[in-house]
């Protein structure tokens, strides 16, 4: 395995990581922004107010997107093992 192939595998791993994490991070940022606006408007500065909705929404997102995430990751994992078998 030469350096170009190793860089391609590393690039693929980073892309898959970003692809899997992006939906959860985007939703978390949006929920945090909505709650921050709500807190600024009502002047309620409760620490747990930010965490509970994020946990609930991210749990729902994991239930909805979990199978897609596992399929994407397992396909990448299989590609890595195919590369190892070729060596």
C-alpha atoms as a PDB file:
ATOM      1  CA  UNK A   1       0.000   0.000   0.000  1.00  0.00           C
ATOM      2  CA  UNK A   2       1.598   3.234  -1.091  1.00  0.00           C
ATOM      3  CA  UNK A   3       1.253   6.695   0.382  1.00  0.00           C
ATOM      4  CA  UNK A   4      -1.454   7.767  -2.077  1.00  0.00           C
ATOM      5  CA  UNK A   5      -3.719   4.900  -1.094  1.00  0.00           C
ATOM      6  CA  UNK A   6      -3.175   5.610   2.581  1.00  0.00           C
ATOM      7  CA  UNK A   7      -4.126   9.258   2.077  1.00  0.00           C
ATOM      8  CA  UNK A   8      -7.222   8.161   0.163  1.00  0.00           C
ATOM      9  CA  UNK A   9      -8.276   5.882   3.041  1.00  0.00           C
ATOM     10  CA  UNK A  10      -7.672   8.682   5.546  1.00  0.00           C
ATOM     11  CA  UNK A  11      -9.660  11.140   3.417  1.00  0.00           C
ATOM     12  CA  UNK A  12     -12.482   8.616   3.145  1.00  0.00           C
ATOM     13  CA  UNK A  13     -12.492   8.068   6.907  1.00  0.00           C
ATOM     14  CA  UNK A  14     -12.731  11.809   7.570  1.00  0.00           C
ATOM     15  CA  UNK A  15     -15.513  12.186   5.000  1.00  0.00           C
ATOM     16  CA  UNK A  16     -17.515   9.318   6.507  1.00  0.00           C
ATOM     17  CA  UNK A  17     -17.018  10.752  10.007  1.00  0.00           C
ATOM     18  CA  UNK A  18     -18.273  14.166   8.938  1.00  0.00           C
ATOM     19  CA  UNK A  19     -21.136  12.619   6.964  1.00  0.00           C
ATOM     20  CA  UNK A  20     -22.292  10.619   9.991  1.00  0.00           C
ATOM     21  CA  UNK A  21     -21.850  13.416  12.544  1.00  0.00           C
ATOM     22  CA  UNK A  22     -23.206  16.321  10.479  1.00  0.00           C
ATOM     23  CA  UNK A  23     -26.965  15.732  10.922  1.00  0.00           C
ATOM     24  CA  UNK A  24     -26.648  15.427  14.700  1.00  0.00           C
ATOM     25  CA  UNK A  25     -24.388  18.460  15.004  1.00  0.00           C
ATOM     26  CA  UNK A  26     -26.572  20.637  12.794  1.00  0.00           C
ATOM     27  CA  UNK A  27     -29.723  19.743  14.716  1.00  0.00           C
ATOM     28  CA  UNK A  28     -27.927  20.327  18.020  1.00  0.00           C
ATOM     29  CA  UNK A  29     -26.796  23.779  16.900  1.00  0.00           C
ATOM     30  CA  UNK A  30     -30.284  24.705  15.694  1.00  0.00           C
ATOM     31  CA  UNK A  31     -31.920  23.561  18.951  1.00  0.00           C
ATOM     32  CA  UNK A  32     -29.287  25.426  20.972  1.00  0.00           C
ATOM     33  CA  UNK A  33     -29.884  28.601  18.975  1.00  0.00           C
ATOM     34  CA  UNK A  34     -33.661  28.376  19.416  1.00  0.00           C
ATOM     35  CA  UNK A  35     -33.291  27.857  23.164  1.00  0.00           C
ATOM     36  CA  UNK A  36     -30.773  30.702  23.436  1.00  0.00           C
ATOM     37  CA  UNK A  37     -33.216  33.055  21.710  1.00  0.00           C
ATOM     38  CA  UNK A  38     -35.998  31.853  24.025  1.00  0.00           C
ATOM     39  CA  UNK A  39     -33.790  32.408  27.088  1.00  0.00           C
ATOM     40  CA  UNK A  40     -32.814  35.883  25.922  1.00  0.00           C
ATOM     41  CA  UNK A  41     -36.435  36.820  25.263  1.00  0.00           C
ATOM     42  CA  UNK A  42     -37.805  35.516  28.560  1.00  0.00           C
ATOM     43  CA  UNK A  43     -34.694  36.108  30.694  1.00  0.00           C
ATOM     44  CA  UNK A  44     -34.938  32.560  32.048  1.00  0.00           C
ATOM     45  CA  UNK A  45     -31.362  31.387  32.494  1.00  0.00           C
ATOM     46  CA  UNK A  46     -31.810  27.841  33.717  1.00  0.00           C
ATOM     47  CA  UNK A  47     -28.846  25.563  32.933  1.00  0.00           C
ATOM     48  CA  UNK A  48     -30.930  22.433  32.384  1.00  0.00           C
ATOM     49  CA  UNK A  49     -33.212  24.191  29.914  1.00  0.00           C
ATOM     50  CA  UNK A  50     -30.593  23.796  27.190  1.00  0.00           C
ATOM     51  CA  UNK A  51     -29.702  20.168  27.852  1.00  0.00           C
ATOM     52  CA  UNK A  52     -33.085  18.451  28.120  1.00  0.00           C
ATOM     53  CA  UNK A  53     -34.459  19.460  24.675  1.00  0.00           C
ATOM     54  CA  UNK A  54     -31.105  18.674  23.034  1.00  0.00           C
ATOM     55  CA  UNK A  55     -31.004  15.225  24.602  1.00  0.00           C
ATOM     56  CA  UNK A  56     -34.577  14.496  23.554  1.00  0.00           C
ATOM     57  CA  UNK A  57     -34.136  15.690  19.973  1.00  0.00           C
ATOM     58  CA  UNK A  58     -30.761  13.978  19.546  1.00  0.00           C
ATOM     59  CA  UNK A  59     -32.211  10.732  20.915  1.00  0.00           C
ATOM     60  CA  UNK A  60     -35.014  10.976  18.375  1.00  0.00           C
ATOM     61  CA  UNK A  61     -32.504  11.717  15.607  1.00  0.00           C
ATOM     62  CA  UNK A  62     -30.443   8.679  16.601  1.00  0.00           C
ATOM     63  CA  UNK A  63     -33.542   6.502  16.462  1.00  0.00           C
ATOM     64  CA  UNK A  64     -34.453   7.829  13.025  1.00  0.00           C
ATOM     65  CA  UNK A  65     -30.952   7.948  11.484  1.00  0.00           C
ATOM     66  CA  UNK A  66     -29.277   5.146  13.438  1.00  0.00           C
ATOM     67  CA  UNK A  67     -29.724   2.466  10.796  1.00  0.00           C
ATOM     68  CA  UNK A  68     -28.399   4.773   8.063  1.00  0.00           C
ATOM     69  CA  UNK A  69     -25.377   5.644  10.218  1.00  0.00           C
ATOM     70  CA  UNK A  70     -24.604   1.991  10.926  1.00  0.00           C
ATOM     71  CA  UNK A  71     -25.026   1.034   7.255  1.00  0.00           C
ATOM     72  CA  UNK A  72     -22.682   3.826   6.147  1.00  0.00           C
ATOM     73  CA  UNK A  73     -20.091   2.896   8.744  1.00  0.00           C
ATOM     74  CA  UNK A  74     -20.270  -0.843   8.042  1.00  0.00           C
ATOM     75  CA  UNK A  75     -19.862  -0.253   4.286  1.00  0.00           C
ATOM     76  CA  UNK A  76     -16.727   1.778   4.992  1.00  0.00           C
ATOM     77  CA  UNK A  77     -15.510  -0.907   7.390  1.00  0.00           C
ATOM     78  CA  UNK A  78     -16.002  -3.576   4.708  1.00  0.00           C
ATOM     79  CA  UNK A  79     -14.049  -1.464   2.192  1.00  0.00           C
ATOM     80  CA  UNK A  80     -11.165  -1.207   4.661  1.00  0.00           C
ATOM     81  CA  UNK A  81     -11.116  -4.983   5.154  1.00  0.00           C
ATOM     82  CA  UNK A  82     -11.190  -5.525   1.382  1.00  0.00           C
ATOM     83  CA  UNK A  83      -8.147  -3.258   1.095  1.00  0.00           C
ATOM     84  CA  UNK A  84      -6.404  -5.210   3.852  1.00  0.00           C
ATOM     85  CA  UNK A  85      -7.187  -8.497   2.085  1.00  0.00           C
ATOM     86  CA  UNK A  86      -5.622  -7.177  -1.153  1.00  0.00           C
ATOM     87  CA  UNK A  87      -2.355  -6.448   0.647  1.00  0.00           C
END
